[in-house]
Amino acid sequence: MEEDRCVYSVIGHYVGWLDRDFRILRRRGEDFSHPNRTPPARPEHFYPPANVPLPPMMAELKYETMDVLDEMPDLLPVYDAFSLPEDSD
């Protein structure tokens, strides 16, 4: 597996790898012994494209491989998930 295909969460924890179908995959029995990385700086703005093409048909996965966004989405928290809400009083 190539090093540049590894996927890390916004807090720097290893999540899995990016497949050629643009899915984030992970082995079911994989341990969490991957070294953590320093998360990148928060981007100022994100402008998604206006039109997005339909995704290609995805190949079947073996049982030992899982789609992270389908089975373990909690491994990828949003960037501001750990900020505390301010009091409304």
C-alpha atoms as a PDB file:
ATOM      1  CA  MET A   1       0.000   0.000   0.000  1.00  0.00           C
ATOM      2  CA  GLU A   2       1.349   3.417  -0.902  1.00  0.00           C
ATOM      3  CA  GLU A   3       1.938   5.876   1.913  1.00  0.00           C
ATOM      4  CA  ASP A   4       0.121   8.708   0.138  1.00  0.00           C
ATOM      5  CA  ARG A   5      -3.113   6.648  -0.005  1.00  0.00           C
ATOM      6  CA  CYS A   6      -3.454   6.534   3.813  1.00  0.00           C
ATOM      7  CA  VAL A   7      -6.375   8.456   5.312  1.00  0.00           C
ATOM      8  CA  TYR A   8      -6.193  10.182   8.698  1.00  0.00           C
ATOM      9  CA  SER A   9      -8.993  11.923  10.594  1.00  0.00           C
ATOM     10  CA  VAL A  10      -8.991  15.649  11.380  1.00  0.00           C
ATOM     11  CA  ILE A  11      -7.536  14.843  14.795  1.00  0.00           C
ATOM     12  CA  GLY A  12      -4.671  12.859  13.262  1.00  0.00           C
ATOM     13  CA  HIS A  13      -5.771   9.251  13.876  1.00  0.00           C
ATOM     14  CA  TYR A  14      -5.326   6.598  11.193  1.00  0.00           C
ATOM     15  CA  VAL A  15      -8.622   5.648   9.539  1.00  0.00           C
ATOM     16  CA  GLY A  16      -7.747   3.493   6.524  1.00  0.00           C
ATOM     17  CA  TRP A  17      -6.691   3.886   2.913  1.00  0.00           C
ATOM     18  CA  LEU A  18      -8.221   5.473  -0.162  1.00  0.00           C
ATOM     19  CA  ASP A  19      -9.260   2.876  -2.729  1.00  0.00           C
ATOM     20  CA  ARG A  20      -9.216   3.386  -6.489  1.00  0.00           C
ATOM     21  CA  ASP A  21     -13.035   3.597  -6.262  1.00  0.00           C
ATOM     22  CA  PHE A  22     -12.522   6.642  -3.984  1.00  0.00           C
ATOM     23  CA  ARG A  23     -13.794   4.789  -0.925  1.00  0.00           C
ATOM     24  CA  ILE A  24     -12.069   4.831   2.439  1.00  0.00           C
ATOM     25  CA  LEU A  25     -11.399   1.200   3.297  1.00  0.00           C
ATOM     26  CA  ARG A  26     -10.071  -0.544   6.380  1.00  0.00           C
ATOM     27  CA  ARG A  27      -9.349  -4.127   7.393  1.00  0.00           C
ATOM     28  CA  ARG A  28     -11.798  -5.452  10.010  1.00  0.00           C
ATOM     29  CA  GLY A  29      -9.129  -6.973  12.230  1.00  0.00           C
ATOM     30  CA  GLU A  30      -6.712  -4.056  11.904  1.00  0.00           C
ATOM     31  CA  ASP A  31      -5.272  -2.779  15.145  1.00  0.00           C
ATOM     32  CA  PHE A  32      -4.829   0.876  16.002  1.00  0.00           C
ATOM     33  CA  SER A  33      -1.024   0.725  16.126  1.00  0.00           C
ATOM     34  CA  HIS A  34      -0.504   3.194  13.274  1.00  0.00           C
ATOM     35  CA  PRO A  35       1.308   6.341  14.400  1.00  0.00           C
ATOM     36  CA  ASN A  36      -0.835   9.437  14.773  1.00  0.00           C
ATOM     37  CA  ARG A  37      -0.124  12.461  12.611  1.00  0.00           C
ATOM     38  CA  THR A  38      -0.346  16.146  13.321  1.00  0.00           C
ATOM     39  CA  PRO A  39      -3.602  17.402  11.792  1.00  0.00           C
ATOM     40  CA  PRO A  40      -3.330  20.031   9.051  1.00  0.00           C
ATOM     41  CA  ALA A  41      -4.341  23.637   9.586  1.00  0.00           C
ATOM     42  CA  ARG A  42      -8.027  24.384   9.178  1.00  0.00           C
ATOM     43  CA  PRO A  43      -8.842  25.699   5.677  1.00  0.00           C
ATOM     44  CA  GLU A  44     -10.340  29.163   5.512  1.00  0.00           C
ATOM     45  CA  HIS A  45     -13.091  28.411   3.007  1.00  0.00           C
ATOM     46  CA  PHE A  46     -14.378  25.389   1.178  1.00  0.00           C
ATOM     47  CA  TYR A  47     -16.264  25.854  -2.062  1.00  0.00           C
ATOM     48  CA  PRO A  48     -17.722  22.557  -3.313  1.00  0.00           C
ATOM     49  CA  PRO A  49     -18.187  22.197  -7.071  1.00  0.00           C
ATOM     50  CA  ALA A  50     -21.545  23.212  -8.509  1.00  0.00           C
ATOM     51  CA  ASN A  51     -21.993  19.981 -10.467  1.00  0.00           C
ATOM     52  CA  VAL A  52     -20.761  16.584  -9.384  1.00  0.00           C
ATOM     53  CA  PRO A  53     -20.660  13.593 -11.748  1.00  0.00           C
ATOM     54  CA  LEU A  54     -22.331  10.358 -10.763  1.00  0.00           C
ATOM     55  CA  PRO A  55     -20.015   7.980  -8.911  1.00  0.00           C
ATOM     56  CA  PRO A  56     -18.750   4.899 -10.732  1.00  0.00           C
ATOM     57  CA  MET A  57     -20.055   1.456  -9.881  1.00  0.00           C
ATOM     58  CA  MET A  58     -18.138   0.125  -6.894  1.00  0.00           C
ATOM     59  CA  ALA A  59     -16.518  -3.277  -6.775  1.00  0.00           C
ATOM     60  CA  GLU A  60     -17.550  -5.879  -4.204  1.00  0.00           C
ATOM     61  CA  LEU A  61     -15.497  -5.985  -1.015  1.00  0.00           C
ATOM     62  CA  LYS A  62     -14.193  -9.095   0.680  1.00  0.00           C
ATOM     63  CA  TYR A  63     -15.422  -9.756   4.212  1.00  0.00           C
ATOM     64  CA  GLU A  64     -12.109  -8.726   5.823  1.00  0.00           C
ATOM     65  CA  THR A  65     -12.328  -5.261   4.201  1.00  0.00           C
ATOM     66  CA  MET A  66     -14.961  -2.713   5.168  1.00  0.00           C
ATOM     67  CA  ASP A  67     -16.065   0.683   3.910  1.00  0.00           C
ATOM     68  CA  VAL A  68     -15.360   3.113   6.762  1.00  0.00           C
ATOM     69  CA  LEU A  69     -18.088   5.605   5.809  1.00  0.00           C
ATOM     70  CA  ASP A  70     -20.617   2.785   5.711  1.00  0.00           C
ATOM     71  CA  GLU A  71     -19.711   0.806   8.845  1.00  0.00           C
ATOM     72  CA  MET A  72     -17.602   3.052  11.119  1.00  0.00           C
ATOM     73  CA  PRO A  73     -18.345   6.720  10.304  1.00  0.00           C
ATOM     74  CA  ASP A  74     -17.435   7.738  13.869  1.00  0.00           C
ATOM     75  CA  LEU A  75     -13.751   7.322  12.915  1.00  0.00           C
ATOM     76  CA  LEU A  76     -14.103  10.478  10.792  1.00  0.00           C
ATOM     77  CA  PRO A  77     -15.446  13.257  13.039  1.00  0.00           C
ATOM     78  CA  VAL A  78     -16.161  16.669  11.541  1.00  0.00           C
ATOM     79  CA  TYR A  79     -13.595  19.400  12.137  1.00  0.00           C
ATOM     80  CA  ASP A  80     -15.590  21.305  14.775  1.00  0.00           C
ATOM     81  CA  ALA A  81     -16.937  18.230  16.621  1.00  0.00           C
ATOM     82  CA  PHE A  82     -14.755  18.916  19.637  1.00  0.00           C
ATOM     83  CA  SER A  83     -15.540  22.583  20.109  1.00  0.00           C
ATOM     84  CA  LEU A  84     -17.738  23.359  23.089  1.00  0.00           C
ATOM     85  CA  PRO A  85     -21.001  25.238  22.518  1.00  0.00           C
ATOM     86  CA  GLU A  86     -21.290  28.601  24.184  1.00  0.00           C
ATOM     87  CA  ASP A  87     -23.943  29.257  26.829  1.00  0.00           C
ATOM     88  CA  SER A  88     -27.092  30.873  25.478  1.00  0.00           C
ATOM     89  CA  ASP A  89     -27.812  32.782  28.690  1.00  0.00           C
END
